[in-house]
Amino acid sequence: MNDTRLSAAQIIARSIAIALSVLFVLTALASLILFNIERNAFNAATYKRALIEENFYRKFPLLLGDLLAKNLDPSAPAFAQQMTADNWKALIETLLPPQQVQAMTEDAINQFFAYLNGETTSPRASLVPLKQSLTSPAGLDAALKIIQAQPVCTLKQIARILTTFGQEICNPPPEILQLLHPLIKIQLEAAAAAIPDEVPLLAERDPAAAQSRLRGLMNLRLIMRLSPLIPIAILFGITLLAVRSFKGWLAWWGWPLLFTGLFGTMIGFGGAPLVRRLFENMLAKRAATSMPLEIADAIRSIVDAAFRQMLKPAGWEGLFLFIAGLSMILISFYAARREKKARLAASEAETQVF
């Protein structure tokens, strides 16, 4: 009776251990991905290579131009008010050298991820270099190029330019444009004064709701950081339920590690697009915020490129787990064969004695 109860208990324990093994593979895979993403996704340094890969530095003048067109002070002169995002883009590209654009871009990225890391409540992009360049002789040259790129002025427009310059932008005759140089310079100085030193990268209408979503994101990151504890606990449960020998330990640990490593390697080296979409949906629910469409698209493209880099460590870790699991299984098979040979040898020795 006792032997029957023990056998039934062993069957139940093995069944639970098998279920836990499957659960280990699922949770270990999720942990492998989430832990590596959390470790890298919220670090601005991760995106430096992605910025170059996506050629983001060339896109930044357009994004900054859009921010300027939407955040220009109402007291700005008429000339500045008439400038479109494309006009500002041309002005920025003319005034700011590539090194300055790169520095401003990386500063904006640092600000955004400082917001996600809870280090600031209002990420902003600095416009001080642009303001300084706008009032320089290069600023006047850039403004003249923008004016000269406009359609030729009509006679009525020329008359209005001479009395109220800046109400509309068109290309007057060279003689009149030469006379307008001092006036354009004054307008540029007034425009520089109207440009804020910083512009917000996020347009939150409800700061309280934004902070609530940010706290939700922080809680999510804590869960991601602690996620490896779950498969470790499951592996400990498998050991208690089923492991009774060294050979058994090799088998019960080897198979879950083998499958975790196999799928982890595949996801780490080839599943970045799928993981990015899943993570983007999960992040959007907790950190959704209002921002210009161009900036949202640009950040998405950077994150898409960065995910390929983030998951590479998961791929290598998965490969390590696969090799470890395969090694344990091969050793367990070898140990089982030796044990079988030892039993056969012992049985033959007993037969010879009798």
Protein backbone atom coordinates (compact mmCIF):
# COMPACT_ATOMS: atom_id res chain seq x y z
CA MET A 1 0.00 0.00 0.00
CA ASN A 2 2.75 2.38 0.94
CA ASP A 3 4.63 1.55 -2.29
CA THR A 4 1.49 2.35 -4.32
CA ARG A 5 1.05 5.69 -2.59
CA LEU A 6 4.71 6.51 -3.17
CA SER A 7 4.43 5.61 -6.86
CA ALA A 8 1.33 7.81 -7.23
CA ALA A 9 3.11 10.67 -5.48
CA GLN A 10 6.07 10.29 -7.80
CA ILE A 11 3.80 10.39 -10.86
CA ILE A 12 2.12 13.54 -9.59
CA ALA A 13 5.49 15.13 -8.82
CA ARG A 14 6.84 14.28 -12.28
CA SER A 15 3.71 15.67 -13.94
CA ILE A 16 4.01 18.91 -12.04
CA ALA A 17 7.73 19.06 -12.82
CA ILE A 18 7.03 18.62 -16.56
CA ALA A 19 4.45 21.42 -16.43
CA LEU A 20 6.95 23.59 -14.59
CA SER A 21 9.58 22.81 -17.23
CA VAL A 22 7.28 24.13 -19.96
CA LEU A 23 6.50 27.16 -17.81
CA PHE A 24 10.22 27.69 -17.26
CA VAL A 25 10.87 27.85 -21.00
CA LEU A 26 8.11 30.44 -21.49
CA THR A 27 9.09 32.63 -18.55
CA ALA A 28 12.82 32.32 -19.22
CA LEU A 29 12.30 33.43 -22.83
CA ALA A 30 10.24 36.41 -21.72
CA SER A 31 12.80 37.24 -19.04
CA LEU A 32 15.68 36.94 -21.50
CA ILE A 33 14.07 39.49 -23.79
CA LEU A 34 12.62 41.87 -21.19
CA PHE A 35 15.73 42.02 -19.03
CA ASN A 36 17.97 42.92 -21.96
CA ILE A 37 15.50 45.47 -23.28
CA GLU A 38 15.17 47.18 -19.91
CA ARG A 39 18.94 47.24 -19.48
CA ASN A 40 19.49 48.98 -22.84
CA ALA A 41 16.27 50.59 -24.06
CA PHE A 42 16.28 53.45 -21.56
CA ASN A 43 19.94 54.33 -21.94
CA ALA A 44 20.58 57.17 -24.40
CA ALA A 45 24.02 55.75 -25.23
CA THR A 46 22.32 52.75 -26.84
CA TYR A 47 20.89 55.01 -29.51
CA LYS A 48 24.11 56.64 -30.68
CA ARG A 49 24.76 53.94 -33.27
CA ALA A 50 21.07 53.87 -34.18
CA LEU A 51 21.15 57.63 -34.83
CA ILE A 52 23.95 57.15 -37.33
CA GLU A 53 22.35 54.06 -38.86
CA GLU A 54 19.05 55.88 -39.44
CA ASN A 55 20.80 59.04 -40.68
CA PHE A 56 18.84 60.94 -38.06
CA TYR A 57 21.17 63.92 -38.01
CA ARG A 58 19.92 64.92 -41.44
CA LYS A 59 16.32 64.67 -40.27
CA PHE A 60 16.80 66.75 -37.13
CA PRO A 61 16.73 70.19 -38.86
CA LEU A 62 13.24 69.39 -40.19
CA LEU A 63 12.06 68.26 -36.75
CA LEU A 64 13.54 71.34 -35.14
CA GLY A 65 11.95 73.51 -37.83
CA ASP A 66 8.56 71.99 -37.03
CA LEU A 67 9.08 72.70 -33.33
CA LEU A 68 10.05 76.29 -34.09
CA ALA A 69 7.04 76.88 -36.34
CA LYS A 70 4.74 75.62 -33.57
CA ASN A 71 6.46 77.24 -30.57
CA LEU A 72 7.35 80.68 -31.92
CA ASP A 73 6.39 83.50 -29.57
CA PRO A 74 3.31 85.47 -30.75
CA SER A 75 5.38 88.64 -30.41
CA ALA A 76 7.78 87.45 -33.13
CA PRO A 77 8.14 89.80 -36.12
CA ALA A 78 5.98 89.26 -39.18
CA PHE A 79 8.89 87.87 -41.21
CA ALA A 80 9.44 85.07 -38.68
CA GLN A 81 5.71 84.40 -38.40
CA GLN A 82 5.51 83.84 -42.17
CA MET A 83 8.28 81.25 -42.19
CA THR A 84 7.18 77.66 -42.61
CA ALA A 85 8.77 74.56 -41.10
CA ASP A 86 10.62 74.02 -44.39
CA ASN A 87 11.92 77.62 -44.26
CA TRP A 88 13.21 77.06 -40.75
CA LYS A 89 14.77 73.78 -41.88
CA ALA A 90 16.68 75.56 -44.66
CA LEU A 91 17.77 78.25 -42.21
CA ILE A 92 18.99 75.71 -39.65
CA GLU A 93 20.91 73.70 -42.26
CA THR A 94 22.59 76.89 -43.48
CA LEU A 95 23.45 78.29 -40.06
CA LEU A 96 24.41 75.21 -38.08
CA PRO A 97 27.36 72.98 -39.08
CA PRO A 98 26.83 69.19 -38.99
CA GLN A 99 28.80 68.90 -35.73
CA GLN A 100 26.48 71.41 -34.05
CA VAL A 101 23.39 69.64 -35.39
CA GLN A 102 24.73 66.33 -34.05
CA ALA A 103 25.39 67.88 -30.63
CA MET A 104 21.88 69.36 -30.50
CA THR A 105 20.36 66.06 -31.64
CA GLU A 106 22.15 64.03 -28.99
CA ASP A 107 21.23 66.58 -26.33
CA ALA A 108 17.55 66.26 -27.30
CA ILE A 109 17.79 62.45 -27.20
CA ASN A 110 19.47 62.63 -23.78
CA GLN A 111 16.65 64.88 -22.56
CA PHE A 112 13.96 62.51 -23.82
CA PHE A 113 15.46 59.47 -22.12
CA ALA A 114 16.14 61.46 -18.98
CA TYR A 115 12.36 61.96 -18.94
CA LEU A 116 11.73 58.23 -19.35
CA ASN A 117 14.23 57.53 -16.56
CA GLY A 118 12.47 59.99 -14.24
CA GLU A 119 15.42 62.38 -14.16
CA THR A 120 13.40 65.30 -15.57
CA THR A 121 9.71 66.10 -15.87
CA SER A 122 9.99 68.28 -18.97
CA PRO A 123 12.40 67.19 -21.72
CA ARG A 124 13.50 70.13 -23.86
CA ALA A 125 15.65 70.90 -26.88
CA SER A 126 18.05 73.85 -26.63
CA LEU A 127 17.84 76.52 -29.33
CA VAL A 128 20.61 78.79 -28.01
CA PRO A 129 23.09 77.88 -30.80
CA LEU A 130 20.47 78.71 -33.42
CA LYS A 131 19.60 82.04 -31.79
CA GLN A 132 23.25 83.03 -31.71
CA SER A 133 23.74 82.11 -35.36
CA LEU A 134 20.56 83.90 -36.44
CA THR A 135 21.91 87.32 -35.45
CA SER A 136 25.28 86.76 -37.14
CA PRO A 137 26.18 87.76 -40.73
CA ALA A 138 25.55 84.14 -41.67
CA GLY A 139 21.98 84.59 -40.45
CA LEU A 140 21.43 87.49 -42.85
CA ASP A 141 22.86 85.45 -45.75
CA ALA A 142 20.60 82.51 -44.90
CA ALA A 143 17.52 84.75 -44.72
CA LEU A 144 18.38 86.28 -48.11
CA LYS A 145 18.64 82.79 -49.63
CA ILE A 146 15.18 81.94 -48.26
CA ILE A 147 13.73 85.14 -49.73
CA GLN A 148 15.41 84.57 -53.08
CA ALA A 149 13.94 81.04 -53.21
CA GLN A 150 10.38 82.46 -53.05
CA PRO A 151 8.19 83.34 -56.07
CA VAL A 152 8.92 86.69 -57.71
CA CYS A 153 7.03 89.58 -56.08
CA THR A 154 4.17 91.23 -57.90
CA LEU A 155 3.93 95.03 -58.08
CA LYS A 156 1.36 95.04 -55.26
CA GLN A 157 3.61 92.86 -53.11
CA ILE A 158 6.57 95.16 -53.77
CA ALA A 159 4.49 98.12 -52.62
CA ARG A 160 3.52 96.31 -49.45
CA ILE A 161 7.11 95.19 -48.79
CA LEU A 162 8.32 98.78 -48.83
CA THR A 163 5.77 99.76 -46.17
CA THR A 164 5.19 96.57 -44.12
CA PHE A 165 8.05 94.16 -44.72
CA GLY A 166 7.44 90.66 -43.47
CA GLN A 167 3.68 90.43 -43.85
CA GLU A 168 4.35 88.04 -46.70
CA ILE A 169 7.51 86.56 -48.17
CA CYS A 170 8.34 86.88 -51.87
CA ASN A 171 11.44 87.54 -53.98
CA PRO A 172 11.76 91.26 -54.84
CA PRO A 173 14.15 92.71 -57.44
CA PRO A 174 17.84 92.72 -56.34
CA GLU A 175 17.88 96.53 -55.98
CA ILE A 176 14.96 96.53 -53.57
CA LEU A 177 16.33 93.50 -51.69
CA GLN A 178 19.61 95.38 -51.20
CA LEU A 179 17.69 98.28 -49.66
CA LEU A 180 15.91 95.88 -47.33
CA HIS A 181 19.10 94.44 -45.79
CA PRO A 182 19.03 96.67 -42.66
CA LEU A 183 15.34 95.95 -42.16
CA ILE A 184 15.86 92.20 -42.58
CA LYS A 185 18.67 92.31 -40.03
CA ILE A 186 16.40 94.05 -37.53
CA GLN A 187 13.71 91.43 -38.18
CA LEU A 188 16.22 88.61 -37.60
CA GLU A 189 17.32 90.11 -34.29
CA ALA A 190 13.68 90.42 -33.23
CA ALA A 191 13.04 86.83 -34.39
CA ALA A 192 16.00 85.57 -32.37
CA ALA A 193 14.65 87.37 -29.32
CA ALA A 194 11.23 85.76 -29.87
CA ILE A 195 12.66 82.25 -30.19
CA PRO A 196 12.67 80.54 -26.79
CA ASP A 197 15.95 79.26 -25.41
CA GLU A 198 14.36 75.81 -25.20
CA VAL A 199 11.34 74.10 -26.73
CA PRO A 200 9.48 71.17 -25.14
CA LEU A 201 9.87 67.80 -26.79
CA LEU A 202 6.53 66.65 -25.38
CA ALA A 203 3.24 68.51 -25.51
CA GLU A 204 1.45 67.28 -22.41
CA ARG A 205 -1.92 68.85 -21.71
CA ASP A 206 -2.39 66.97 -18.46
CA PRO A 207 0.85 66.86 -16.41
CA ALA A 208 -0.80 64.79 -13.67
CA ALA A 209 -1.84 62.11 -16.16
CA ALA A 210 1.64 62.17 -17.69
CA GLN A 211 3.23 61.59 -14.30
CA SER A 212 0.81 58.75 -13.63
CA ARG A 213 1.78 57.08 -16.90
CA LEU A 214 5.43 57.63 -16.12
CA ARG A 215 5.02 55.91 -12.74
CA GLY A 216 3.35 53.03 -14.56
CA LEU A 217 6.35 52.84 -16.86
CA MET A 218 8.71 52.80 -13.87
CA ASN A 219 6.73 49.92 -12.34
CA LEU A 220 6.89 48.07 -15.64
CA ARG A 221 10.66 48.54 -15.77
CA LEU A 222 10.99 47.17 -12.23
CA ILE A 223 9.06 44.06 -13.27
CA MET A 224 11.30 43.65 -16.33
CA ARG A 225 14.42 44.04 -14.17
CA LEU A 226 13.24 41.40 -11.69
CA SER A 227 11.80 39.03 -14.31
CA PRO A 228 14.76 36.56 -14.16
CA LEU A 229 13.73 35.65 -10.60
CA ILE A 230 10.62 33.86 -11.90
CA PRO A 231 12.34 31.19 -14.05
CA ILE A 232 15.00 30.79 -11.34
CA ALA A 233 12.25 30.04 -8.80
CA ILE A 234 10.59 27.61 -11.23
CA LEU A 235 13.91 25.81 -11.77
CA PHE A 236 14.27 25.51 -8.00
CA GLY A 237 10.75 23.99 -7.83
CA ILE A 238 11.63 21.46 -10.53
CA THR A 239 14.71 20.46 -8.53
CA LEU A 240 12.68 19.87 -5.37
CA LEU A 241 9.98 17.88 -7.14
CA ALA A 242 11.92 15.68 -9.53
CA VAL A 243 15.67 15.69 -8.99
CA ARG A 244 16.89 12.71 -6.99
CA SER A 245 20.35 12.14 -8.51
CA PHE A 246 23.11 13.85 -10.45
CA LYS A 247 21.89 12.22 -13.66
CA GLY A 248 18.35 13.38 -12.96
CA TRP A 249 19.56 16.93 -12.30
CA LEU A 250 21.34 16.98 -15.65
CA ALA A 251 18.21 15.85 -17.50
CA TRP A 252 15.67 17.99 -15.65
CA TRP A 253 17.76 21.13 -16.08
CA GLY A 254 19.23 20.27 -19.48
CA TRP A 255 16.04 20.03 -21.53
CA PRO A 256 14.48 23.33 -20.33
CA LEU A 257 17.77 25.13 -20.84
CA LEU A 258 18.16 23.60 -24.31
CA PHE A 259 14.75 24.79 -25.54
CA THR A 260 15.09 28.18 -23.85
CA GLY A 261 18.47 28.68 -25.48
CA LEU A 262 17.24 27.53 -28.90
CA PHE A 263 14.26 29.89 -29.01
CA GLY A 264 16.22 32.66 -27.29
CA THR A 265 18.93 32.51 -29.94
CA MET A 266 16.34 32.68 -32.72
CA ILE A 267 14.54 35.64 -31.17
CA GLY A 268 17.71 37.46 -30.17
CA PHE A 269 19.28 37.34 -33.62
CA GLY A 270 16.18 37.43 -35.83
CA GLY A 271 13.07 38.48 -33.93
CA ALA A 272 13.76 42.18 -33.31
CA PRO A 273 10.89 43.50 -35.51
CA LEU A 274 8.28 41.35 -33.76
CA VAL A 275 9.57 42.15 -30.28
CA ARG A 276 9.69 45.86 -31.12
CA ARG A 277 6.02 45.88 -32.13
CA LEU A 278 4.97 44.01 -28.99
CA PHE A 279 7.03 46.26 -26.74
CA GLU A 280 5.87 49.40 -28.53
CA ASN A 281 2.22 48.49 -27.90
CA MET A 282 2.95 47.73 -24.26
CA LEU A 283 4.90 50.99 -23.83
CA ALA A 284 2.25 53.08 -25.58
CA LYS A 285 -0.36 52.05 -23.02
CA ARG A 286 1.77 53.27 -20.12
CA ALA A 287 3.70 56.20 -21.56
CA ALA A 288 1.44 57.51 -24.30
CA THR A 289 2.01 61.18 -24.82
CA SER A 290 1.34 63.90 -27.33
CA MET A 291 4.22 64.91 -29.58
CA PRO A 292 4.65 66.14 -33.15
CA LEU A 293 4.08 63.38 -35.69
CA GLU A 294 7.51 63.89 -37.25
CA ILE A 295 9.24 63.46 -33.90
CA ALA A 296 7.16 60.37 -33.09
CA ASP A 297 8.07 58.79 -36.43
CA ALA A 298 11.74 59.69 -36.03
CA ILE A 299 11.90 58.23 -32.52
CA ARG A 300 10.14 55.10 -33.75
CA SER A 301 12.72 54.62 -36.50
CA ILE A 302 15.54 55.05 -33.98
CA VAL A 303 13.94 52.55 -31.59
CA ASP A 304 13.43 50.12 -34.48
CA ALA A 305 17.14 50.26 -35.31
CA ALA A 306 18.13 50.16 -31.65
CA PHE A 307 16.07 47.03 -30.97
CA ARG A 308 18.27 45.08 -33.33
CA GLN A 309 21.20 46.02 -31.12
CA MET A 310 19.35 45.49 -27.84
CA LEU A 311 18.43 41.90 -28.59
CA LYS A 312 21.89 40.82 -29.67
CA PRO A 313 22.92 40.16 -26.03
CA ALA A 314 19.77 38.03 -25.65
CA GLY A 315 20.85 36.06 -28.72
CA TRP A 316 24.30 35.38 -27.29
CA GLU A 317 22.85 34.52 -23.88
CA GLY A 318 20.39 32.17 -25.58
CA LEU A 319 23.27 30.50 -27.44
CA PHE A 320 25.08 30.02 -24.13
CA LEU A 321 21.98 28.44 -22.55
CA PHE A 322 21.55 26.18 -25.59
CA ILE A 323 25.14 24.95 -25.35
CA ALA A 324 24.82 24.49 -21.57
CA GLY A 325 21.55 22.54 -21.91
CA LEU A 326 22.90 20.39 -24.74
CA SER A 327 26.03 19.63 -22.75
CA MET A 328 23.99 18.60 -19.70
CA ILE A 329 21.79 16.30 -21.80
CA LEU A 330 24.78 14.64 -23.48
CA ILE A 331 26.46 14.14 -20.11
CA SER A 332 23.23 12.66 -18.70
CA PHE A 333 23.05 10.21 -21.64
CA TYR A 334 26.68 9.29 -21.09
CA ALA A 335 26.07 8.81 -17.36
CA ALA A 336 22.99 6.65 -18.09
CA ARG A 337 25.00 4.44 -20.46
CA ARG A 338 27.77 4.00 -17.91
CA GLU A 339 25.19 3.17 -15.24
CA LYS A 340 23.56 0.63 -17.54
CA LYS A 341 26.91 -0.97 -18.35
CA ALA A 342 27.73 -1.12 -14.65
CA ARG A 343 24.43 -2.87 -13.92
CA LEU A 344 25.00 -5.36 -16.74
CA ALA A 345 28.51 -6.06 -15.52
CA ALA A 346 27.24 -6.58 -11.97
CA SER A 347 24.48 -8.89 -13.23
CA GLU A 348 26.96 -10.97 -15.25
CA ALA A 349 29.27 -11.22 -12.26
CA GLU A 350 26.41 -12.52 -10.07
CA THR A 351 25.47 -15.08 -12.78
CA GLN A 352 29.05 -16.37 -12.97
CA VAL A 353 29.16 -16.78 -9.19
CA PHE A 354 26.05 -18.96 -9.21
